[in-house]
Amino acid sequence: MPHRNLEMNYTPPTVVAFKSGAISSTAIGLTDLGFTAEEIAEAERAIISTHATEVHMRWDGGNPTGTTGIMLDEGSGAAFAVIVGSENLQNLKFIKESGGADGTLSVMLEKQNT
């Protein structure tokens, strides 16, 4: 039997900011991509994609290296990740894979509307 009075209260997230920048052999954070401290503090999650290179990332407070960290593999065809939580966003760092070509990293910060 179908539900006749099913009410959906979903509100889509709001984009706080979007930035795209070069990723190379030096670890960078969100402020290095051009996000302000206020944008990072307002956001609840980051959607991250990489273009033309593999990227290692960490959000535990340590720096990734060219061989350690959670890897986004551009060669897989679906190189994106979602990182959730204010502290994780504050700590988020990226670096390109050792020996790989420099590439581009794109990040969209979002917050959930209430």
Protein backbone atom coordinates (compact mmCIF):
# COMPACT_ATOMS: atom_id res chain seq x y z
CA MET A 1 0.00 0.00 0.00
CA PRO A 2 1.51 3.41 -0.96
CA HIS A 3 2.11 6.10 1.63
CA ARG A 4 -0.22 8.98 0.97
CA ASN A 5 1.09 11.55 3.43
CA LEU A 6 4.82 10.96 3.17
CA GLU A 7 6.50 14.29 3.75
CA MET A 8 10.06 14.97 2.59
CA ASN A 9 11.92 17.61 4.56
CA TYR A 10 15.24 17.41 2.73
CA THR A 11 17.08 20.68 2.26
CA PRO A 12 20.08 20.51 -0.07
CA PRO A 13 23.44 21.78 1.15
CA THR A 14 24.69 25.29 0.42
CA VAL A 15 28.02 25.86 -1.28
CA VAL A 16 30.28 27.96 0.94
CA ALA A 17 33.12 28.36 -1.59
CA PHE A 18 34.92 26.64 -4.46
CA LYS A 19 38.64 26.78 -5.27
CA SER A 20 40.89 25.05 -7.73
CA GLY A 21 44.69 25.14 -7.73
CA ALA A 22 47.95 23.43 -8.51
CA ILE A 23 49.05 20.37 -6.57
CA SER A 24 52.75 19.56 -6.51
CA SER A 25 55.43 18.02 -4.29
CA THR A 26 54.81 20.34 -1.30
CA ALA A 27 51.95 19.55 1.09
CA ILE A 28 49.21 22.18 1.02
CA GLY A 29 46.07 22.86 3.03
CA LEU A 30 42.81 24.57 2.23
CA THR A 31 44.17 28.06 2.97
CA ASP A 32 46.96 27.40 0.45
CA LEU A 33 44.24 26.91 -2.17
CA GLY A 34 42.82 30.33 -1.28
CA PHE A 35 40.04 29.50 1.18
CA THR A 36 39.68 31.93 4.06
CA ALA A 37 39.65 30.81 7.68
CA GLU A 38 36.02 31.98 7.85
CA GLU A 39 35.00 29.82 4.86
CA ILE A 40 36.70 26.77 6.37
CA ALA A 41 35.06 27.38 9.77
CA GLU A 42 31.62 27.78 8.17
CA ALA A 43 31.87 24.60 6.08
CA GLU A 44 30.82 21.17 7.29
CA ARG A 45 32.30 19.12 4.46
CA ALA A 46 34.65 19.28 1.49
CA ILE A 47 34.17 17.58 -1.86
CA ILE A 48 37.59 17.06 -3.43
CA SER A 49 38.65 16.00 -6.91
CA THR A 50 41.99 15.72 -8.65
CA HIS A 51 42.86 16.19 -12.30
CA ALA A 52 45.93 14.84 -14.11
CA THR A 53 47.71 13.41 -11.06
CA GLU A 54 47.32 11.11 -8.07
CA VAL A 55 47.07 12.88 -4.71
CA HIS A 56 47.72 11.75 -1.13
CA MET A 57 45.76 13.44 1.65
CA ARG A 58 45.52 13.38 5.43
CA TRP A 59 43.20 15.07 7.88
CA ASP A 60 44.55 13.67 11.15
CA GLY A 61 46.93 16.60 11.75
CA GLY A 62 49.92 14.98 10.04
CA ASN A 63 51.37 15.87 6.66
CA PRO A 64 50.93 13.48 3.75
CA THR A 65 53.97 12.55 1.69
CA GLY A 66 54.31 11.47 -1.90
CA THR A 67 53.96 7.85 -0.72
CA THR A 68 51.73 8.05 2.41
CA GLY A 69 48.21 9.22 3.04
CA ILE A 70 44.80 8.40 1.62
CA MET A 71 45.17 8.36 -2.16
CA LEU A 72 42.89 9.88 -4.76
CA ASP A 73 43.72 8.03 -7.97
CA GLU A 74 43.03 10.21 -11.01
CA GLY A 75 43.57 7.18 -13.23
CA SER A 76 40.50 5.45 -11.78
CA GLY A 77 38.22 7.87 -13.59
CA ALA A 78 36.38 8.86 -10.41
CA ALA A 79 38.96 10.56 -8.25
CA PHE A 80 36.95 12.35 -5.60
CA ALA A 81 36.47 12.23 -1.86
CA VAL A 82 34.17 13.79 0.71
CA ILE A 83 35.70 14.87 4.03
CA VAL A 84 33.25 15.71 6.82
CA GLY A 85 33.77 17.65 10.05
CA SER A 86 35.15 21.04 11.00
CA GLU A 87 38.31 19.71 12.67
CA ASN A 88 39.02 17.43 9.71
CA LEU A 89 38.72 20.39 7.33
CA GLN A 90 41.08 22.46 9.47
CA ASN A 91 43.67 19.65 9.35
CA LEU A 92 43.22 18.63 5.70
CA LYS A 93 46.48 18.52 3.67
CA PHE A 94 47.30 17.34 0.14
CA ILE A 95 50.40 16.41 -1.87
CA LYS A 96 50.92 14.80 -5.28
CA GLU A 97 52.10 11.21 -5.69
CA SER A 98 55.90 10.81 -5.78
CA GLY A 99 57.18 10.81 -9.34
CA GLY A 100 53.83 11.84 -10.75
CA ALA A 101 53.10 14.91 -12.81
CA ASP A 102 51.84 18.09 -11.18
CA GLY A 103 48.09 18.43 -11.46
CA THR A 104 45.04 20.35 -10.33
CA LEU A 105 43.03 19.94 -7.17
CA SER A 106 39.43 21.19 -6.96
CA VAL A 107 37.62 21.61 -3.64
CA MET A 108 34.04 22.65 -2.90
CA LEU A 109 33.15 23.51 0.69
CA GLU A 110 29.54 22.99 1.73
CA LYS A 111 27.30 23.37 4.76
CA GLN A 112 23.96 21.75 5.46
CA ASN A 113 20.98 24.05 5.69
CA THR A 114 18.70 23.56 8.65
